[in-house]
Amino acid sequence: MENNNNTEMELSQAAIRYLLTIYELSDGGHPVRSVEIARALAVTPASVSHMLHSLIKSRLVEKRYYGSVRLTSAGIRQANLYYTRRAMLETYFTTYLGVDAQVAQSDAASCMYCLSPQSMEEIQRQLLTDRVHLAAI
């Protein structure tokens, strides 16, 4: 049974990392090979296999035997939530804190797991409020 709502599933940091990697490598839903995931994350194929099993059980990815990996619709929704969260944090770090883009990317990837929903909502509100003010100028 697939998670058909837009609520966030409880995933480990590692699972989120894999989900985002698959999302980025799939570039719009194309199948991804396990070896590509291993290369992108600098992990062993055995590590990829182990995590894919977990993501398959969560119904976030599907994989044919010795085949390519593809995100399910629930997997795409979850990956998109995390991708958006990471992008918001990167923007916040570079725009408001003046952090270098490469540092902001790394920090955003680390921080998105530990910030409360309240903090994420406040960052989003700040970004959207300032965007509206800038558009009005």
Protein backbone atom coordinates (compact mmCIF):
# COMPACT_ATOMS: atom_id res chain seq x y z
CA MET A 1 0.00 0.00 0.00
CA GLU A 2 1.46 3.31 -1.08
CA ASN A 3 1.46 6.43 1.09
CA ASN A 4 -0.86 8.66 -0.95
CA ASN A 5 -0.77 11.82 1.14
CA ASN A 6 1.82 14.55 1.31
CA THR A 7 2.93 13.84 4.86
CA GLU A 8 6.53 13.12 5.58
CA MET A 9 7.47 9.53 6.38
CA GLU A 10 9.87 8.69 9.20
CA LEU A 11 13.16 7.95 7.47
CA SER A 12 16.72 7.74 8.72
CA GLN A 13 19.30 10.27 7.57
CA ALA A 14 20.91 7.57 5.43
CA ALA A 15 17.58 6.65 3.82
CA ILE A 16 16.92 10.30 3.00
CA ARG A 17 20.40 10.59 1.48
CA TYR A 18 19.75 7.58 -0.76
CA LEU A 19 16.26 8.80 -1.66
CA LEU A 20 17.60 12.22 -2.68
CA THR A 21 20.43 10.65 -4.66
CA ILE A 22 18.03 8.45 -6.59
CA TYR A 23 15.75 11.46 -7.14
CA GLU A 24 18.60 13.55 -8.54
CA LEU A 25 20.08 10.75 -10.67
CA SER A 26 16.68 9.84 -12.11
CA ASP A 27 16.26 13.32 -13.61
CA GLY A 28 12.52 13.22 -13.95
CA GLY A 29 11.78 9.59 -13.22
CA HIS A 30 14.25 7.68 -15.38
CA PRO A 31 15.49 4.33 -14.05
CA VAL A 32 18.78 4.40 -12.11
CA ARG A 33 21.28 1.58 -11.77
CA SER A 34 22.53 0.54 -8.33
CA VAL A 35 26.12 1.08 -9.42
CA GLU A 36 25.31 4.73 -10.20
CA ILE A 37 23.88 5.18 -6.71
CA ALA A 38 26.98 3.57 -5.15
CA ARG A 39 29.26 5.81 -7.18
CA ALA A 40 27.33 9.00 -6.34
CA LEU A 41 27.34 8.23 -2.61
CA ALA A 42 30.84 6.70 -2.53
CA VAL A 43 29.53 3.52 -0.89
CA THR A 44 29.77 -0.16 -1.72
CA PRO A 45 27.20 -1.92 -3.91
CA ALA A 46 26.35 -4.06 -0.85
CA SER A 47 25.42 -0.90 1.08
CA VAL A 48 23.19 0.20 -1.77
CA SER A 49 21.53 -3.21 -1.89
CA HIS A 50 20.85 -3.13 1.86
CA MET A 51 19.32 0.37 1.75
CA LEU A 52 17.29 -0.39 -1.37
CA HIS A 53 15.73 -3.33 0.44
CA SER A 54 14.62 -0.94 3.20
CA LEU A 55 13.30 1.64 0.71
CA ILE A 56 11.43 -1.10 -1.17
CA LYS A 57 9.79 -2.24 2.08
CA SER A 58 8.73 1.38 2.66
CA ARG A 59 7.30 1.40 -0.89
CA LEU A 60 9.44 4.37 -1.90
CA VAL A 61 11.37 2.57 -4.64
CA GLU A 62 10.84 -0.40 -6.88
CA LYS A 63 13.54 -2.58 -8.37
CA ARG A 64 13.50 -5.48 -10.73
CA TYR A 65 15.75 -8.43 -9.94
CA TYR A 66 19.21 -7.32 -11.12
CA GLY A 67 17.50 -4.35 -12.72
CA SER A 68 17.23 -0.63 -12.41
CA VAL A 69 15.76 1.30 -9.52
CA ARG A 70 12.83 3.65 -9.90
CA LEU A 71 11.06 5.85 -7.36
CA THR A 72 7.40 5.09 -6.73
CA SER A 73 4.95 7.99 -6.69
CA ALA A 74 5.24 8.02 -2.87
CA GLY A 75 9.03 8.02 -3.24
CA ILE A 76 8.90 10.97 -5.61
CA ARG A 77 6.70 12.90 -3.17
CA GLN A 78 9.00 12.19 -0.23
CA ALA A 79 12.15 12.99 -2.20
CA ASN A 80 10.58 16.22 -3.43
CA LEU A 81 9.79 17.26 0.17
CA TYR A 82 13.41 16.73 1.21
CA TYR A 83 14.80 18.27 -1.97
CA THR A 84 12.71 21.40 -1.40
CA ARG A 85 13.73 21.54 2.26
CA ARG A 86 17.41 21.32 1.33
CA ALA A 87 17.03 23.98 -1.38
CA MET A 88 15.31 26.34 1.06
CA LEU A 89 18.11 25.91 3.58
CA GLU A 90 20.77 26.49 0.92
CA THR A 91 19.02 29.70 -0.11
CA TYR A 92 18.67 30.82 3.48
CA PHE A 93 22.34 30.17 4.26
CA THR A 94 23.62 31.99 1.18
CA THR A 95 21.12 34.88 1.22
CA TYR A 96 20.80 35.64 4.92
CA LEU A 97 24.04 34.33 6.36
CA GLY A 98 26.34 35.08 3.42
CA VAL A 99 27.71 31.54 3.41
CA ASP A 100 29.62 30.31 0.35
CA ALA A 101 27.39 28.23 -1.95
CA GLN A 102 29.44 25.05 -1.50
CA VAL A 103 29.41 25.37 2.30
CA ALA A 104 25.68 26.18 2.22
CA GLN A 105 25.01 23.02 0.21
CA SER A 106 26.90 20.84 2.67
CA ASP A 107 25.40 22.53 5.73
CA ALA A 108 21.88 22.33 4.32
CA ALA A 109 22.27 18.61 3.73
CA SER A 110 23.35 18.16 7.35
CA CYS A 111 20.82 20.51 8.95
CA MET A 112 17.67 19.40 7.20
CA TYR A 113 17.52 16.26 9.36
CA CYS A 114 17.67 18.01 12.69
CA LEU A 115 15.56 21.15 12.33
CA SER A 116 12.08 21.12 13.79
CA PRO A 117 9.05 21.63 11.56
CA GLN A 118 8.57 24.99 13.31
CA SER A 119 12.06 26.16 12.33
CA MET A 120 11.59 25.00 8.74
CA GLU A 121 8.26 26.82 8.53
CA GLU A 122 9.85 30.01 9.86
CA ILE A 123 12.68 29.83 7.33
CA GLN A 124 10.16 29.25 4.56
CA ARG A 125 8.00 32.14 5.79
CA GLN A 126 11.03 34.45 5.87
CA LEU A 127 12.11 33.48 2.35
CA LEU A 128 8.60 33.86 0.93
CA THR A 129 7.92 37.15 2.74
CA ASP A 130 11.13 38.71 1.46
CA ARG A 131 10.46 37.40 -2.04
CA VAL A 132 7.05 39.10 -2.06
CA HIS A 133 8.57 42.37 -0.78
CA LEU A 134 11.29 42.28 -3.45
CA ALA A 135 8.76 41.58 -6.21
CA ALA A 136 6.76 44.63 -5.12
CA ILE A 137 9.77 46.95 -5.52
